[in-house]
PDB file of N, CA and C in Angstrom:
ATOM      1  N   MET A   1       0.160  25.536  -4.828  1.00  0.00           N
ATOM      2  CA  MET A   1      -0.961  24.622  -4.868  1.00  0.00           C
ATOM      3  C   MET A   1      -0.724  23.502  -5.880  1.00  0.00           C
ATOM      4  N   LYS A   2      -0.203  23.873  -7.059  1.00  0.00           N
ATOM      5  CA  LYS A   2       0.060  22.879  -8.098  1.00  0.00           C
ATOM      6  C   LYS A   2       1.116  21.886  -7.624  1.00  0.00           C
ATOM      7  N   ASP A   3       2.095  22.373  -6.900  1.00  0.00           N
ATOM      8  CA  ASP A   3       3.155  21.506  -6.372  1.00  0.00           C
ATOM      9  C   ASP A   3       2.587  20.481  -5.390  1.00  0.00           C
ATOM     10  N   ASN A   4       1.616  20.890  -4.593  1.00  0.00           N
ATOM     11  CA  ASN A   4       0.992  19.975  -3.643  1.00  0.00           C
ATOM     12  C   ASN A   4       0.181  18.887  -4.349  1.00  0.00           C
ATOM     13  N   ILE A   5      -0.512  19.245  -5.426  1.00  0.00           N
ATOM     14  CA  ILE A   5      -1.287  18.266  -6.186  1.00  0.00           C
ATOM     15  C   ILE A   5      -0.355  17.250  -6.837  1.00  0.00           C
ATOM     16  N   ILE A   6       0.742  17.727  -7.399  1.00  0.00           N
ATOM     17  CA  ILE A   6       1.719  16.821  -8.015  1.00  0.00           C
ATOM     18  C   ILE A   6       2.316  15.904  -6.949  1.00  0.00           C
ATOM     19  N   HIS A   7       2.575  16.433  -5.767  1.00  0.00           N
ATOM     20  CA  HIS A   7       3.093  15.631  -4.657  1.00  0.00           C
ATOM     21  C   HIS A   7       2.135  14.480  -4.325  1.00  0.00           C
ATOM     22  N   GLY A   8       0.852  14.774  -4.219  1.00  0.00           N
ATOM     23  CA  GLY A   8      -0.143  13.745  -3.914  1.00  0.00           C
ATOM     24  C   GLY A   8      -0.279  12.724  -5.024  1.00  0.00           C
ATOM     25  N   ILE A   9      -0.260  13.166  -6.270  1.00  0.00           N
ATOM     26  CA  ILE A   9      -0.394  12.252  -7.402  1.00  0.00           C
ATOM     27  C   ILE A   9       0.800  11.305  -7.473  1.00  0.00           C
ATOM     28  N   LYS A  10       2.006  11.814  -7.202  1.00  0.00           N
ATOM     29  CA  LYS A  10       3.188  10.943  -7.212  1.00  0.00           C
ATOM     30  C   LYS A  10       3.075   9.853  -6.152  1.00  0.00           C
ATOM     31  N   ARG A  11       2.595  10.203  -4.964  1.00  0.00           N
ATOM     32  CA  ARG A  11       2.479   9.210  -3.887  1.00  0.00           C
ATOM     33  C   ARG A  11       1.431   8.151  -4.221  1.00  0.00           C
ATOM     34  N   ILE A  12       0.322   8.557  -4.816  1.00  0.00           N
ATOM     35  CA  ILE A  12      -0.708   7.595  -5.214  1.00  0.00           C
ATOM     36  C   ILE A  12      -0.184   6.694  -6.331  1.00  0.00           C
ATOM     37  N   ALA A  13       0.578   7.258  -7.264  1.00  0.00           N
ATOM     38  CA  ALA A  13       1.153   6.453  -8.348  1.00  0.00           C
ATOM     39  C   ALA A  13       2.119   5.405  -7.790  1.00  0.00           C
ATOM     40  N   ILE A  14       2.895   5.770  -6.781  1.00  0.00           N
ATOM     41  CA  ILE A  14       3.803   4.804  -6.151  1.00  0.00           C
ATOM     42  C   ILE A  14       3.003   3.667  -5.527  1.00  0.00           C
ATOM     43  N   LEU A  15       1.903   3.972  -4.873  1.00  0.00           N
ATOM     44  CA  LEU A  15       1.073   2.931  -4.268  1.00  0.00           C
ATOM     45  C   LEU A  15       0.500   1.992  -5.323  1.00  0.00           C
ATOM     46  N   VAL A  16      -0.037   2.550  -6.391  1.00  0.00           N
ATOM     47  CA  VAL A  16      -0.647   1.718  -7.436  1.00  0.00           C
ATOM     48  C   VAL A  16       0.418   0.856  -8.120  1.00  0.00           C
ATOM     49  N   LEU A  17       1.583   1.421  -8.392  1.00  0.00           N
ATOM     50  CA  LEU A  17       2.658   0.634  -8.996  1.00  0.00           C
ATOM     51  C   LEU A  17       3.116  -0.489  -8.076  1.00  0.00           C
ATOM     52  N   SER A  18       3.141  -0.246  -6.777  1.00  0.00           N
ATOM     53  CA  SER A  18       3.530  -1.317  -5.855  1.00  0.00           C
ATOM     54  C   SER A  18       2.486  -2.427  -5.846  1.00  0.00           C
ATOM     55  N   TRP A  19       1.210  -2.073  -6.041  1.00  0.00           N
ATOM     56  CA  TRP A  19       0.171  -3.101  -6.139  1.00  0.00           C
ATOM     57  C   TRP A  19       0.370  -3.943  -7.394  1.00  0.00           C
ATOM     58  N   PHE A  20       0.753  -3.298  -8.506  1.00  0.00           N
ATOM     59  CA  PHE A  20       1.003  -4.049  -9.729  1.00  0.00           C
ATOM     60  C   PHE A  20       2.230  -4.943  -9.596  1.00  0.00           C
ATOM     61  N   LEU A  21       3.200  -4.540  -8.795  1.00  0.00           N
ATOM     62  CA  LEU A  21       4.377  -5.381  -8.549  1.00  0.00           C
ATOM     63  C   LEU A  21       4.026  -6.612  -7.724  1.00  0.00           C
ATOM     64  N   ALA A  22       2.991  -6.525  -6.919  1.00  0.00           N
ATOM     65  CA  ALA A  22       2.624  -7.646  -6.049  1.00  0.00           C
ATOM     66  C   ALA A  22       2.183  -8.869  -6.848  1.00  0.00           C
ATOM     67  N   VAL A  23       1.563  -8.677  -7.993  1.00  0.00           N
ATOM     68  CA  VAL A  23       1.059  -9.808  -8.783  1.00  0.00           C
ATOM     69  C   VAL A  23       2.200 -10.666  -9.326  1.00  0.00           C
ATOM     70  N   PRO A  24       3.180 -10.107 -10.061  1.00  0.00           N
ATOM     71  CA  PRO A  24       4.249 -10.989 -10.546  1.00  0.00           C
ATOM     72  C   PRO A  24       5.113 -11.558  -9.431  1.00  0.00           C
ATOM     73  N   ILE A  25       5.332 -10.791  -8.368  1.00  0.00           N
ATOM     74  CA  ILE A  25       6.115 -11.310  -7.254  1.00  0.00           C
ATOM     75  C   ILE A  25       5.390 -12.483  -6.608  1.00  0.00           C
ATOM     76  N   GLY A  26       4.083 -12.377  -6.465  1.00  0.00           N
ATOM     77  CA  GLY A  26       3.298 -13.475  -5.904  1.00  0.00           C
ATOM     78  C   GLY A  26       3.365 -14.721  -6.760  1.00  0.00           C
ATOM     79  N   PHE A  27       3.283 -14.558  -8.087  1.00  0.00           N
ATOM     80  CA  PHE A  27       3.361 -15.723  -8.966  1.00  0.00           C
ATOM     81  C   PHE A  27       4.760 -16.327  -8.987  1.00  0.00           C
ATOM     82  N   ILE A  28       5.788 -15.505  -8.894  1.00  0.00           N
ATOM     83  CA  ILE A  28       7.152 -16.031  -8.807  1.00  0.00           C
ATOM     84  C   ILE A  28       7.315 -16.843  -7.536  1.00  0.00           C
ATOM     85  N   TYR A  29       6.793 -16.330  -6.439  1.00  0.00           N
ATOM     86  CA  TYR A  29       6.858 -17.066  -5.177  1.00  0.00           C
ATOM     87  C   TYR A  29       6.137 -18.411  -5.298  1.00  0.00           C
ATOM     88  N   LEU A  30       4.960 -18.414  -5.910  1.00  0.00           N
ATOM     89  CA  LEU A  30       4.212 -19.659  -6.071  1.00  0.00           C
ATOM     90  C   LEU A  30       4.928 -20.631  -7.000  1.00  0.00           C
ATOM     91  N   ASP A  31       5.616 -20.132  -8.024  1.00  0.00           N
ATOM     92  CA  ASP A  31       6.369 -21.013  -8.912  1.00  0.00           C
ATOM     93  C   ASP A  31       7.539 -21.666  -8.186  1.00  0.00           C
ATOM     94  N   ILE A  32       8.158 -20.941  -7.279  1.00  0.00           N
ATOM     95  CA  ILE A  32       9.292 -21.495  -6.535  1.00  0.00           C
ATOM     96  C   ILE A  32       8.807 -22.496  -5.492  1.00  0.00           C
ATOM     97  N   VAL A  33       7.783 -22.148  -4.743  1.00  0.00           N
ATOM     98  CA  VAL A  33       7.324 -22.979  -3.635  1.00  0.00           C
ATOM     99  C   VAL A  33       6.504 -24.168  -4.108  1.00  0.00           C
ATOM    100  N   ALA A  34       5.547 -23.921  -5.002  1.00  0.00           N
ATOM    101  CA  ALA A  34       4.638 -24.991  -5.410  1.00  0.00           C
ATOM    102  C   ALA A  34       4.497 -24.989  -6.923  1.00  0.00           C
ATOM    103  N   SER A  35       5.559 -25.365  -7.609  1.00  0.00           N
ATOM    104  CA  SER A  35       5.536 -25.300  -9.072  1.00  0.00           C
ATOM    105  C   SER A  35       4.669 -26.386  -9.698  1.00  0.00           C
ATOM    106  N   ASP A  36       4.398 -27.478  -8.974  1.00  0.00           N
ATOM    107  CA  ASP A  36       3.644 -28.584  -9.554  1.00  0.00           C
ATOM    108  C   ASP A  36       2.130 -28.446  -9.388  1.00  0.00           C
ATOM    109  N   ARG A  37       1.669 -27.483  -8.596  1.00  0.00           N
ATOM    110  CA  ARG A  37       0.226 -27.357  -8.402  1.00  0.00           C
ATOM    111  C   ARG A  37      -0.187 -25.898  -8.404  1.00  0.00           C
ATOM    112  N   ARG A  38      -1.397 -25.664  -8.807  1.00  0.00           N
ATOM    113  CA  ARG A  38      -1.975 -24.318  -8.807  1.00  0.00           C
ATOM    114  C   ARG A  38      -3.320 -24.374  -8.129  1.00  0.00           C
ATOM    115  N   CYS A  39      -3.573 -23.396  -7.289  1.00  0.00           N
ATOM    116  CA  CYS A  39      -4.855 -23.310  -6.601  1.00  0.00           C
ATOM    117  C   CYS A  39      -5.308 -21.860  -6.696  1.00  0.00           C
ATOM    118  N   GLY A  40      -6.518 -21.637  -7.145  1.00  0.00           N
ATOM    119  CA  GLY A  40      -7.009 -20.273  -7.304  1.00  0.00           C
ATOM    120  C   GLY A  40      -7.028 -19.499  -6.008  1.00  0.00           C
ATOM    121  N   THR A  41      -7.417 -20.148  -4.924  1.00  0.00           N
ATOM    122  CA  THR A  41      -7.460 -19.478  -3.624  1.00  0.00           C
ATOM    123  C   THR A  41      -6.056 -19.127  -3.150  1.00  0.00           C
ATOM    124  N   GLY A  42      -5.122 -20.053  -3.301  1.00  0.00           N
ATOM    125  CA  GLY A  42      -3.746 -19.786  -2.876  1.00  0.00           C
ATOM    126  C   GLY A  42      -3.109 -18.656  -3.655  1.00  0.00           C
ATOM    127  N   ASP A  43      -3.404 -18.610  -4.961  1.00  0.00           N
ATOM    128  CA  ASP A  43      -2.862 -17.532  -5.784  1.00  0.00           C
ATOM    129  C   ASP A  43      -3.387 -16.185  -5.324  1.00  0.00           C
ATOM    130  N   VAL A  44      -4.673 -16.117  -5.074  1.00  0.00           N
ATOM    131  CA  VAL A  44      -5.285 -14.851  -4.674  1.00  0.00           C
ATOM    132  C   VAL A  44      -4.787 -14.426  -3.294  1.00  0.00           C
ATOM    133  N   LEU A  45      -4.666 -15.370  -2.392  1.00  0.00           N
ATOM    134  CA  LEU A  45      -4.246 -15.023  -1.033  1.00  0.00           C
ATOM    135  C   LEU A  45      -2.822 -14.493  -0.985  1.00  0.00           C
ATOM    136  N   ILE A  46      -1.902 -15.098  -1.724  1.00  0.00           N
ATOM    137  CA  ILE A  46      -0.522 -14.603  -1.687  1.00  0.00           C
ATOM    138  C   ILE A  46      -0.422 -13.221  -2.330  1.00  0.00           C
ATOM    139  N   VAL A  47      -1.165 -12.996  -3.409  1.00  0.00           N
ATOM    140  CA  VAL A  47      -1.153 -11.678  -4.045  1.00  0.00           C
ATOM    141  C   VAL A  47      -1.777 -10.638  -3.113  1.00  0.00           C
ATOM    142  N   PHE A  48      -2.897 -10.978  -2.472  1.00  0.00           N
ATOM    143  CA  PHE A  48      -3.527 -10.058  -1.527  1.00  0.00           C
ATOM    144  C   PHE A  48      -2.597  -9.765  -0.354  1.00  0.00           C
ATOM    145  N   PHE A  49      -1.904 -10.792   0.149  1.00  0.00           N
ATOM    146  CA  PHE A  49      -0.953 -10.602   1.246  1.00  0.00           C
ATOM    147  C   PHE A  49       0.155  -9.633   0.837  1.00  0.00           C
ATOM    148  N   LEU A  50       0.684  -9.789  -0.368  1.00  0.00           N
ATOM    149  CA  LEU A  50       1.747  -8.893  -0.825  1.00  0.00           C
ATOM    150  C   LEU A  50       1.230  -7.473  -1.039  1.00  0.00           C
ATOM    151  N   ILE A  51      -0.008  -7.338  -1.520  1.00  0.00           N
ATOM    152  CA  ILE A  51      -0.585  -5.998  -1.676  1.00  0.00           C
ATOM    153  C   ILE A  51      -0.705  -5.319  -0.314  1.00  0.00           C
ATOM    154  N   VAL A  52      -1.134  -6.068   0.688  1.00  0.00           N
ATOM    155  CA  VAL A  52      -1.240  -5.511   2.043  1.00  0.00           C
ATOM    156  C   VAL A  52       0.147  -5.129   2.573  1.00  0.00           C
ATOM    157  N   CYS A  53       1.140  -5.995   2.345  1.00  0.00           N
ATOM    158  CA  CYS A  53       2.504  -5.685   2.807  1.00  0.00           C
ATOM    159  C   CYS A  53       3.047  -4.430   2.144  1.00  0.00           C
ATOM    160  N   PHE A  54       2.882  -4.326   0.811  1.00  0.00           N
ATOM    161  CA  PHE A  54       3.348  -3.136   0.113  1.00  0.00           C
ATOM    162  C   PHE A  54       2.592  -1.891   0.569  1.00  0.00           C
ATOM    163  N   SER A  55       1.324  -2.024   0.864  1.00  0.00           N
ATOM    164  CA  SER A  55       0.543  -0.876   1.329  1.00  0.00           C
ATOM    165  C   SER A  55       1.036  -0.403   2.691  1.00  0.00           C
ATOM    166  N   PHE A  56       1.345  -1.347   3.586  1.00  0.00           N
ATOM    167  CA  PHE A  56       1.857  -0.936   4.886  1.00  0.00           C
ATOM    168  C   PHE A  56       3.244  -0.313   4.781  1.00  0.00           C
ATOM    169  N   LEU A  57       4.077  -0.809   3.868  1.00  0.00           N
ATOM    170  CA  LEU A  57       5.370  -0.158   3.637  1.00  0.00           C
ATOM    171  C   LEU A  57       5.172   1.257   3.113  1.00  0.00           C
ATOM    172  N   TRP A  58       4.178   1.449   2.247  1.00  0.00           N
ATOM    173  CA  TRP A  58       3.863   2.772   1.712  1.00  0.00           C
ATOM    174  C   TRP A  58       3.400   3.694   2.829  1.00  0.00           C
ATOM    175  N   ILE A  59       2.571   3.165   3.735  1.00  0.00           N
ATOM    176  CA  ILE A  59       2.086   3.965   4.863  1.00  0.00           C
ATOM    177  C   ILE A  59       3.245   4.371   5.768  1.00  0.00           C
ATOM    178  N   ILE A  60       4.142   3.441   6.035  1.00  0.00           N
ATOM    179  CA  ILE A  60       5.311   3.756   6.869  1.00  0.00           C
ATOM    180  C   ILE A  60       6.176   4.811   6.176  1.00  0.00           C
ATOM    181  N   GLY A  61       6.364   4.666   4.862  1.00  0.00           N
ATOM    182  CA  GLY A  61       7.132   5.661   4.109  1.00  0.00           C
ATOM    183  C   GLY A  61       6.492   7.039   4.147  1.00  0.00           C
ATOM    184  N   LEU A  62       5.165   7.083   4.042  1.00  0.00           N
ATOM    185  CA  LEU A  62       4.478   8.377   4.137  1.00  0.00           C
ATOM    186  C   LEU A  62       4.628   8.984   5.526  1.00  0.00           C
ATOM    187  N   GLY A  63       4.599   8.141   6.557  1.00  0.00           N
ATOM    188  CA  GLY A  63       4.779   8.645   7.920  1.00  0.00           C
ATOM    189  C   GLY A  63       6.160   9.227   8.131  1.00  0.00           C
ATOM    190  N   ILE A  64       7.168   8.536   7.634  1.00  0.00           N
ATOM    191  CA  ILE A  64       8.540   9.048   7.751  1.00  0.00           C
ATOM    192  C   ILE A  64       8.696  10.343   6.966  1.00  0.00           C
ATOM    193  N   GLU A  65       8.125  10.369   5.752  1.00  0.00           N
ATOM    194  CA  GLU A  65       8.205  11.590   4.959  1.00  0.00           C
ATOM    195  C   GLU A  65       7.436  12.729   5.624  1.00  0.00           C
ATOM    196  N   ALA A  66       6.332  12.431   6.291  1.00  0.00           N
ATOM    197  CA  ALA A  66       5.569  13.466   6.990  1.00  0.00           C
ATOM    198  C   ALA A  66       6.390  14.073   8.127  1.00  0.00           C
ATOM    199  N   ILE A  67       7.150  13.242   8.820  1.00  0.00           N
ATOM    200  CA  ILE A  67       8.013  13.752   9.890  1.00  0.00           C
ATOM    201  C   ILE A  67       9.076  14.681   9.308  1.00  0.00           C
ATOM    202  N   ILE A  68       9.676  14.267   8.192  1.00  0.00           N
ATOM    203  CA  ILE A  68      10.700  15.100   7.548  1.00  0.00           C
ATOM    204  C   ILE A  68      10.088  16.408   7.035  1.00  0.00           C
ATOM    205  N   LEU A  69       8.902  16.316   6.422  1.00  0.00           N
ATOM    206  CA  LEU A  69       8.249  17.532   5.920  1.00  0.00           C
ATOM    207  C   LEU A  69       7.845  18.462   7.050  1.00  0.00           C
ATOM    208  N   ASN A  70       7.504  17.912   8.210  1.00  0.00           N
ATOM    209  CA  ASN A  70       7.165  18.740   9.358  1.00  0.00           C
ATOM    210  C   ASN A  70       8.385  19.531   9.820  1.00  0.00           C
ATOM    211  N   LYS A  71       9.543  18.904   9.792  1.00  0.00           N
ATOM    212  CA  LYS A  71      10.769  19.602  10.189  1.00  0.00           C
ATOM    213  C   LYS A  71      11.160  20.674   9.177  1.00  0.00           C
ATOM    214  N   LYS A  72      10.772  20.488   7.906  1.00  0.00           N
ATOM    215  CA  LYS A  72      11.069  21.472   6.869  1.00  0.00           C
ATOM    216  C   LYS A  72       9.974  22.536   6.759  1.00  0.00           C
ATOM    217  N   CYS A  73       8.990  22.482   7.646  1.00  0.00           N
ATOM    218  CA  CYS A  73       7.880  23.438   7.691  1.00  0.00           C
ATOM    219  C   CYS A  73       7.044  23.426   6.411  1.00  0.00           C
ATOM    220  N   LYS A  74       6.857  22.250   5.825  1.00  0.00           N
ATOM    221  CA  LYS A  74       5.969  22.094   4.669  1.00  0.00           C
ATOM    222  C   LYS A  74       4.705  21.398   5.165  1.00  0.00           C
ATOM    223  N   LYS A  75       3.852  22.190   5.809  1.00  0.00           N
ATOM    224  CA  LYS A  75       2.676  21.649   6.498  1.00  0.00           C
ATOM    225  C   LYS A  75       1.642  21.059   5.536  1.00  0.00           C
ATOM    226  N   THR A  76       1.444  21.667   4.376  1.00  0.00           N
ATOM    227  CA  THR A  76       0.428  21.172   3.453  1.00  0.00           C
ATOM    228  C   THR A  76       0.788  19.791   2.920  1.00  0.00           C
ATOM    229  N   LYS A  77       2.032  19.600   2.519  1.00  0.00           N
ATOM    230  CA  LYS A  77       2.459  18.290   2.027  1.00  0.00           C
ATOM    231  C   LYS A  77       2.425  17.253   3.149  1.00  0.00           C
ATOM    232  N   ARG A  78       2.767  17.668   4.345  1.00  0.00           N
ATOM    233  CA  ARG A  78       2.681  16.754   5.495  1.00  0.00           C
ATOM    234  C   ARG A  78       1.246  16.298   5.705  1.00  0.00           C
ATOM    235  N   ASN A  79       0.312  17.241   5.627  1.00  0.00           N
ATOM    236  CA  ASN A  79      -1.099  16.901   5.803  1.00  0.00           C
ATOM    237  C   ASN A  79      -1.607  15.988   4.689  1.00  0.00           C
ATOM    238  N   ILE A  80      -1.143  16.214   3.457  1.00  0.00           N
ATOM    239  CA  ILE A  80      -1.538  15.343   2.344  1.00  0.00           C
ATOM    240  C   ILE A  80      -1.072  13.917   2.621  1.00  0.00           C
ATOM    241  N   ASN A  81       0.172  13.758   3.074  1.00  0.00           N
ATOM    242  CA  ASN A  81       0.700  12.432   3.382  1.00  0.00           C
ATOM    243  C   ASN A  81      -0.106  11.756   4.488  1.00  0.00           C
ATOM    244  N   LEU A  82      -0.398  12.493   5.531  1.00  0.00           N
ATOM    245  CA  LEU A  82      -1.133  11.903   6.656  1.00  0.00           C
ATOM    246  C   LEU A  82      -2.559  11.531   6.266  1.00  0.00           C
ATOM    247  N   ILE A  83      -3.196  12.335   5.432  1.00  0.00           N
ATOM    248  CA  ILE A  83      -4.557  12.027   4.985  1.00  0.00           C
ATOM    249  C   ILE A  83      -4.559  10.771   4.113  1.00  0.00           C
ATOM    250  N   MET A  84      -3.598  10.665   3.180  1.00  0.00           N
ATOM    251  CA  MET A  84      -3.544   9.478   2.321  1.00  0.00           C
ATOM    252  C   MET A  84      -3.282   8.220   3.147  1.00  0.00           C
ATOM    253  N   ALA A  85      -2.351   8.287   4.082  1.00  0.00           N
ATOM    254  CA  ALA A  85      -2.050   7.131   4.928  1.00  0.00           C
ATOM    255  C   ALA A  85      -3.255   6.773   5.801  1.00  0.00           C
ATOM    256  N   GLY A  86      -3.931   7.779   6.315  1.00  0.00           N
ATOM    257  CA  GLY A  86      -5.104   7.531   7.149  1.00  0.00           C
ATOM    258  C   GLY A  86      -6.244   6.883   6.389  1.00  0.00           C
ATOM    259  N   ILE A  87      -6.442   7.299   5.151  1.00  0.00           N
ATOM    260  CA  ILE A  87      -7.517   6.702   4.342  1.00  0.00           C
ATOM    261  C   ILE A  87      -7.237   5.224   4.087  1.00  0.00           C
ATOM    262  N   ILE A  88      -6.013   4.882   3.725  1.00  0.00           N
ATOM    263  CA  ILE A  88      -5.672   3.473   3.484  1.00  0.00           C
ATOM    264  C   ILE A  88      -5.820   2.669   4.767  1.00  0.00           C
ATOM    265  N   LEU A  89      -5.377   3.221   5.895  1.00  0.00           N
ATOM    266  CA  LEU A  89      -5.532   2.504   7.163  1.00  0.00           C
ATOM    267  C   LEU A  89      -7.006   2.285   7.510  1.00  0.00           C
ATOM    268  N   LEU A  90      -7.831   3.293   7.285  1.00  0.00           N
ATOM    269  CA  LEU A  90      -9.263   3.137   7.560  1.00  0.00           C
ATOM    270  C   LEU A  90      -9.898   2.077   6.663  1.00  0.00           C
ATOM    271  N   ILE A  91      -9.467   2.017   5.408  1.00  0.00           N
ATOM    272  CA  ILE A  91      -9.997   0.987   4.508  1.00  0.00           C
ATOM    273  C   ILE A  91      -9.604  -0.401   5.000  1.00  0.00           C
ATOM    274  N   PHE A  92      -8.348  -0.574   5.411  1.00  0.00           N
ATOM    275  CA  PHE A  92      -7.915  -1.877   5.911  1.00  0.00           C
ATOM    276  C   PHE A  92      -8.636  -2.247   7.207  1.00  0.00           C
ATOM    277  N   ILE A  93      -8.817  -1.294   8.099  1.00  0.00           N
ATOM    278  CA  ILE A  93      -9.531  -1.575   9.346  1.00  0.00           C
ATOM    279  C   ILE A  93     -10.980  -1.951   9.055  1.00  0.00           C
ATOM    280  N   GLN A  94     -11.605  -1.251   8.122  1.00  0.00           N
ATOM    281  CA  GLN A  94     -12.979  -1.572   7.749  1.00  0.00           C
ATOM    282  C   GLN A  94     -13.071  -2.976   7.163  1.00  0.00           C
ATOM    283  N   LEU A  95     -12.124  -3.354   6.312  1.00  0.00           N
ATOM    284  CA  LEU A  95     -12.126  -4.700   5.729  1.00  0.00           C
ATOM    285  C   LEU A  95     -11.910  -5.769   6.797  1.00  0.00           C
ATOM    286  N   ILE A  96     -11.026  -5.497   7.736  1.00  0.00           N
ATOM    287  CA  ILE A  96     -10.773  -6.465   8.807  1.00  0.00           C
ATOM    288  C   ILE A  96     -12.020  -6.653   9.659  1.00  0.00           C
ATOM    289  N   ILE A  97     -12.669  -5.559  10.021  1.00  0.00           N
ATOM    290  CA  ILE A  97     -13.881  -5.659  10.843  1.00  0.00           C
ATOM    291  C   ILE A  97     -15.001  -6.347  10.067  1.00  0.00           C
ATOM    292  N   LYS A  98     -15.144  -6.018   8.802  1.00  0.00           N
ATOM    293  CA  LYS A  98     -16.228  -6.579   8.004  1.00  0.00           C
ATOM    294  C   LYS A  98     -16.076  -8.086   7.824  1.00  0.00           C
ATOM    295  N   TYR A  99     -14.860  -8.549   7.551  1.00  0.00           N
ATOM    296  CA  TYR A  99     -14.660  -9.961   7.251  1.00  0.00           C
ATOM    297  C   TYR A  99     -14.184 -10.794   8.440  1.00  0.00           C
ATOM    298  N   SER A 100     -14.032 -10.199   9.595  1.00  0.00           N
ATOM    299  CA  SER A 100     -13.575 -10.971  10.751  1.00  0.00           C
ATOM    300  C   SER A 100     -14.710 -11.786  11.380  1.00  0.00           C
ATOM    301  N   TYR A 101     -15.956 -11.492  11.040  1.00  0.00           N
ATOM    302  CA  TYR A 101     -17.085 -12.209  11.617  1.00  0.00           C
ATOM    303  C   TYR A 101     -17.467 -13.459  10.828  1.00  0.00           C
ATOM    304  N   TYR A 102     -16.819 -13.700   9.691  1.00  0.00           N
ATOM    305  CA  TYR A 102     -17.184 -14.863   8.873  1.00  0.00           C
ATOM    306  C   TYR A 102     -16.393 -16.071   9.248  1.00  0.00           C
TER     307      TYR A 102
END
């Protein structure tokens, strides 16, 4: 049981760290592309775009790991991966539906 909790915490930590990486990468991109101007909306959009990209890469990684764990007969860890990926996907779908009407 303790091993499963540590497994879940490591995966969540990877997601949060990838979100923190999105901010400096976004600003580096903006410095290269548009070094002479700054726009608050543009800064936020590129960072949000990178957070979404990193989140989808994390979801794909969890899916691949779930397939591998299924072959190794580690059903609990597989279920943890699928639940975490499903929650993030549901949050993104909810955000898309909520803000698509504006």
